[in-house]
Amino acid sequence: MEERYKVLYVSKIKEEKRKEDLERILSDRGIQFRMNRSIQVEGSFATVKEDMNFRQYLYRGNTNVLAQSILVAIAHNINKLHHKIQSGRTGTHLFPLKKTGLF
């Protein structure tokens, strides 16, 4: 039986991009974004699942699932806007980022 050798190549561009990404993630701003991301995203999914009672897609196929996802997202955004108008907070935007102990 003949011997076979596999050669593994790693792209230099990929390695450079990976270093840049790591630096961005470990920067103070990156840490703040990661800290706040989980809070903001979880709230949206919880609202859609619990308040809007959306547990599963009703149709099959990528286009149908995409269409239903868009409709749910539009409904969620209209609901958020309605609550903002009712509470008089239409001039406000995103919550300020939480502060880390790094600075």
Protein backbone atom coordinates (compact mmCIF):
# COMPACT_ATOMS: atom_id res chain seq x y z
CA MET A 1 0.00 0.00 0.00
CA GLU A 2 1.39 3.40 -0.95
CA GLU A 3 1.88 6.17 1.57
CA ARG A 4 -0.23 9.29 1.15
CA TYR A 5 0.55 12.65 2.62
CA LYS A 6 -1.90 15.45 3.17
CA VAL A 7 -0.79 19.03 3.09
CA LEU A 8 -2.67 21.67 5.07
CA TYR A 9 -2.52 25.27 3.94
CA VAL A 10 -3.68 28.21 6.07
CA SER A 11 -4.53 31.42 4.30
CA LYS A 12 -2.44 34.39 5.42
CA ILE A 13 -5.37 36.74 4.82
CA LYS A 14 -7.59 34.60 7.05
CA GLU A 15 -5.01 34.70 9.83
CA GLU A 16 -4.74 38.50 9.56
CA LYS A 17 -8.53 38.90 9.66
CA ARG A 18 -8.70 36.56 12.63
CA LYS A 19 -6.17 38.70 14.55
CA GLU A 20 -8.11 41.88 13.71
CA ASP A 21 -11.35 40.29 14.89
CA LEU A 22 -9.77 39.11 18.12
CA GLU A 23 -8.41 42.60 18.82
CA ARG A 24 -11.86 44.11 18.19
CA ILE A 25 -13.57 41.56 20.41
CA LEU A 26 -11.11 42.06 23.27
CA SER A 27 -11.19 45.87 23.07
CA ASP A 28 -13.15 47.85 25.66
CA ARG A 29 -15.90 48.63 23.15
CA GLY A 30 -16.09 44.98 22.05
CA ILE A 31 -16.50 43.86 25.64
CA GLN A 32 -19.32 46.37 26.13
CA PHE A 33 -21.09 45.17 22.98
CA ARG A 34 -20.81 41.53 24.03
CA MET A 35 -22.11 42.32 27.50
CA ASN A 36 -25.17 44.13 26.16
CA ARG A 37 -25.91 41.87 23.18
CA SER A 38 -27.24 38.96 25.20
CA ILE A 39 -29.63 41.20 27.12
CA GLN A 40 -31.05 42.91 24.04
CA VAL A 41 -31.45 39.80 21.88
CA GLU A 42 -32.93 37.59 24.59
CA GLY A 43 -35.66 40.13 25.27
CA SER A 44 -36.83 40.10 21.67
CA PHE A 45 -37.00 36.31 21.45
CA ALA A 46 -38.77 36.09 24.81
CA THR A 47 -41.38 38.63 23.69
CA VAL A 48 -42.00 36.85 20.40
CA LYS A 49 -42.29 33.44 22.06
CA GLU A 50 -44.27 34.31 25.17
CA ASP A 51 -46.31 37.43 24.41
CA MET A 52 -46.98 36.73 20.75
CA ASN A 53 -47.24 32.96 21.33
CA PHE A 54 -45.02 32.18 18.32
CA ARG A 55 -43.59 28.70 18.87
CA GLN A 56 -43.25 27.17 15.41
CA TYR A 57 -43.53 27.99 11.75
CA LEU A 58 -46.80 27.09 10.06
CA TYR A 59 -45.43 26.60 6.54
CA ARG A 60 -42.56 24.74 4.92
CA GLY A 61 -39.88 26.00 2.58
CA ASN A 62 -37.30 28.74 2.83
CA THR A 63 -39.40 31.46 1.21
CA ASN A 64 -42.44 30.73 3.38
CA VAL A 65 -40.39 30.61 6.57
CA LEU A 66 -38.65 33.86 5.60
CA ALA A 67 -42.01 35.53 4.88
CA GLN A 68 -43.43 34.41 8.21
CA SER A 69 -40.26 35.56 10.03
CA ILE A 70 -40.55 38.99 8.42
CA LEU A 71 -44.21 39.25 9.43
CA VAL A 72 -43.37 38.33 13.03
CA ALA A 73 -40.53 40.88 13.07
CA ILE A 74 -42.81 43.62 11.68
CA ALA A 75 -45.47 42.77 14.28
CA HIS A 76 -42.85 42.89 17.05
CA ASN A 77 -41.59 46.30 15.89
CA ILE A 78 -45.13 47.72 15.61
CA ASN A 79 -45.84 46.46 19.12
CA LYS A 80 -42.68 48.15 20.42
CA LEU A 81 -43.60 51.41 18.67
CA HIS A 82 -47.11 51.28 20.12
CA HIS A 83 -45.75 50.88 23.65
CA LYS A 84 -43.27 53.73 23.08
CA ILE A 85 -46.03 56.04 21.85
CA GLN A 86 -48.28 55.10 24.79
CA SER A 87 -45.55 55.80 27.36
CA GLY A 88 -44.37 59.02 25.66
CA ARG A 89 -40.84 57.79 24.90
CA THR A 90 -40.78 58.38 21.15
CA GLY A 91 -37.79 60.75 21.30
CA THR A 92 -35.51 58.23 23.00
CA HIS A 93 -33.33 55.70 21.25
CA LEU A 94 -31.17 52.78 22.39
CA PHE A 95 -30.31 52.26 26.00
CA PRO A 96 -26.82 53.45 26.96
CA LEU A 97 -24.18 50.75 27.08
CA LYS A 98 -23.42 49.25 30.46
CA LYS A 99 -20.05 50.20 31.86
CA THR A 100 -17.45 47.54 32.53
CA GLY A 101 -14.91 47.65 35.31
CA LEU A 102 -12.11 48.12 32.77
CA PHE A 103 -12.29 51.92 32.56
